[in-house]
Amino acid sequence: MDCLKLIAVSGSALVMIIGLCIVFARLKAKNQGFEPSSLKALGVVLLIPTLTILAVVVNFNLEALAALLGTVDGYVLSSSKPDDT
């Protein structure tokens, strides 16, 4: 069982590192700095694997994990543009 946890944590950390490299490479290729969409991408790349690691290592109950994932979904799907009403 500990071997499976180690594989899950290592895989999540690898996904996090690769995701960060991809986001930073895209920002460098476009010659743009940090803006709301790039910060959202960084947030997703860092939060989803972190939640996966926490779910594997710490025995979360399902309600807490669902609430955290819902928070991340709301953050990612929210629009960063102000309403023109």
C-alpha atoms as a PDB file:
ATOM      1  CA  MET A   1       0.000   0.000   0.000  1.00  0.00           C
ATOM      2  CA  ASP A   2       2.842   2.402   0.761  1.00  0.00           C
ATOM      3  CA  CYS A   3       4.326   1.684  -2.663  1.00  0.00           C
ATOM      4  CA  LEU A   4       1.074   2.802  -4.331  1.00  0.00           C
ATOM      5  CA  LYS A   5       1.066   6.008  -2.286  1.00  0.00           C
ATOM      6  CA  LEU A   6       4.656   6.694  -3.303  1.00  0.00           C
ATOM      7  CA  ILE A   7       3.802   6.154  -6.969  1.00  0.00           C
ATOM      8  CA  ALA A   8       0.744   8.433  -6.738  1.00  0.00           C
ATOM      9  CA  VAL A   9       2.671  11.204  -4.978  1.00  0.00           C
ATOM     10  CA  SER A  10       5.620  10.919  -7.365  1.00  0.00           C
ATOM     11  CA  GLY A  11       3.316  10.964 -10.378  1.00  0.00           C
ATOM     12  CA  SER A  12       1.444  14.002  -9.099  1.00  0.00           C
ATOM     13  CA  ALA A  13       4.687  15.840  -8.397  1.00  0.00           C
ATOM     14  CA  LEU A  14       5.918  14.978 -11.887  1.00  0.00           C
ATOM     15  CA  VAL A  15       2.679  16.260 -13.431  1.00  0.00           C
ATOM     16  CA  MET A  16       3.063  19.467 -11.418  1.00  0.00           C
ATOM     17  CA  ILE A  17       6.649  20.036 -12.585  1.00  0.00           C
ATOM     18  CA  ILE A  18       5.868  19.257 -16.231  1.00  0.00           C
ATOM     19  CA  GLY A  19       2.787  21.484 -16.112  1.00  0.00           C
ATOM     20  CA  LEU A  20       4.806  24.374 -14.718  1.00  0.00           C
ATOM     21  CA  CYS A  21       7.406  23.946 -17.448  1.00  0.00           C
ATOM     22  CA  ILE A  22       4.696  23.978 -20.127  1.00  0.00           C
ATOM     23  CA  VAL A  23       2.983  27.086 -18.725  1.00  0.00           C
ATOM     24  CA  PHE A  24       6.246  28.997 -18.417  1.00  0.00           C
ATOM     25  CA  ALA A  25       7.346  27.899 -21.916  1.00  0.00           C
ATOM     26  CA  ARG A  26       4.049  29.181 -23.353  1.00  0.00           C
ATOM     27  CA  LEU A  27       4.418  32.482 -21.532  1.00  0.00           C
ATOM     28  CA  LYS A  28       7.972  32.872 -22.801  1.00  0.00           C
ATOM     29  CA  ALA A  29       6.984  31.938 -26.381  1.00  0.00           C
ATOM     30  CA  LYS A  30       4.241  34.569 -26.385  1.00  0.00           C
ATOM     31  CA  ASN A  31       6.462  37.190 -24.708  1.00  0.00           C
ATOM     32  CA  GLN A  32       3.802  37.938 -22.159  1.00  0.00           C
ATOM     33  CA  GLY A  33       3.872  38.304 -18.424  1.00  0.00           C
ATOM     34  CA  PHE A  34       1.483  37.141 -15.803  1.00  0.00           C
ATOM     35  CA  GLU A  35      -2.141  37.979 -16.459  1.00  0.00           C
ATOM     36  CA  PRO A  36      -5.363  36.512 -15.062  1.00  0.00           C
ATOM     37  CA  SER A  37      -5.501  33.616 -17.530  1.00  0.00           C
ATOM     38  CA  SER A  38      -1.887  32.620 -16.939  1.00  0.00           C
ATOM     39  CA  LEU A  39      -2.397  32.818 -13.192  1.00  0.00           C
ATOM     40  CA  LYS A  40      -5.412  30.530 -13.547  1.00  0.00           C
ATOM     41  CA  ALA A  41      -3.289  28.070 -15.517  1.00  0.00           C
ATOM     42  CA  LEU A  42      -0.625  28.146 -12.826  1.00  0.00           C
ATOM     43  CA  GLY A  43      -3.290  27.684 -10.173  1.00  0.00           C
ATOM     44  CA  VAL A  44      -4.695  24.617 -11.893  1.00  0.00           C
ATOM     45  CA  VAL A  45      -1.246  23.140 -12.477  1.00  0.00           C
ATOM     46  CA  LEU A  46      -0.381  23.561  -8.803  1.00  0.00           C
ATOM     47  CA  LEU A  47      -3.731  22.914  -7.084  1.00  0.00           C
ATOM     48  CA  ILE A  48      -5.003  19.765  -8.799  1.00  0.00           C
ATOM     49  CA  PRO A  49      -1.841  17.674  -8.169  1.00  0.00           C
ATOM     50  CA  THR A  50      -1.636  19.088  -4.633  1.00  0.00           C
ATOM     51  CA  LEU A  51      -5.210  17.972  -3.962  1.00  0.00           C
ATOM     52  CA  THR A  52      -4.366  14.567  -5.398  1.00  0.00           C
ATOM     53  CA  ILE A  53      -1.358  14.274  -3.099  1.00  0.00           C
ATOM     54  CA  LEU A  54      -3.426  15.329  -0.090  1.00  0.00           C
ATOM     55  CA  ALA A  55      -6.188  12.881  -0.972  1.00  0.00           C
ATOM     56  CA  VAL A  56      -3.688  10.020  -1.140  1.00  0.00           C
ATOM     57  CA  VAL A  57      -1.547  10.873   1.890  1.00  0.00           C
ATOM     58  CA  VAL A  58      -4.141  12.315   4.277  1.00  0.00           C
ATOM     59  CA  ASN A  59      -7.374  10.429   4.772  1.00  0.00           C
ATOM     60  CA  PHE A  60      -9.807  13.138   3.672  1.00  0.00           C
ATOM     61  CA  ASN A  61     -13.467  12.409   3.847  1.00  0.00           C
ATOM     62  CA  LEU A  62     -15.224  12.656   0.502  1.00  0.00           C
ATOM     63  CA  GLU A  63     -17.137  15.819   1.415  1.00  0.00           C
ATOM     64  CA  ALA A  64     -13.968  17.795   2.119  1.00  0.00           C
ATOM     65  CA  LEU A  65     -12.342  16.620  -1.100  1.00  0.00           C
ATOM     66  CA  ALA A  66     -15.466  17.472  -3.111  1.00  0.00           C
ATOM     67  CA  ALA A  67     -15.570  20.946  -1.552  1.00  0.00           C
ATOM     68  CA  LEU A  68     -11.922  21.588  -2.437  1.00  0.00           C
ATOM     69  CA  LEU A  69     -12.397  20.374  -6.002  1.00  0.00           C
ATOM     70  CA  GLY A  70     -15.525  22.513  -6.319  1.00  0.00           C
ATOM     71  CA  THR A  71     -13.566  25.537  -5.180  1.00  0.00           C
ATOM     72  CA  VAL A  72     -10.900  24.884  -7.802  1.00  0.00           C
ATOM     73  CA  ASP A  73     -13.582  24.404 -10.486  1.00  0.00           C
ATOM     74  CA  GLY A  74     -15.249  27.665  -9.532  1.00  0.00           C
ATOM     75  CA  TYR A  75     -11.932  29.464  -9.664  1.00  0.00           C
ATOM     76  CA  VAL A  76     -11.026  28.060 -13.071  1.00  0.00           C
ATOM     77  CA  LEU A  77     -14.419  28.546 -14.687  1.00  0.00           C
ATOM     78  CA  SER A  78     -15.030  32.048 -13.356  1.00  0.00           C
ATOM     79  CA  SER A  79     -14.574  34.889 -15.790  1.00  0.00           C
ATOM     80  CA  SER A  80     -11.914  37.448 -15.006  1.00  0.00           C
ATOM     81  CA  LYS A  81     -13.552  40.187 -17.081  1.00  0.00           C
ATOM     82  CA  PRO A  82     -15.813  42.683 -15.328  1.00  0.00           C
ATOM     83  CA  ASP A  83     -19.473  42.728 -16.343  1.00  0.00           C
ATOM     84  CA  ASP A  84     -20.548  45.597 -18.589  1.00  0.00           C
ATOM     85  CA  THR A  85     -23.956  46.111 -17.021  1.00  0.00           C
END
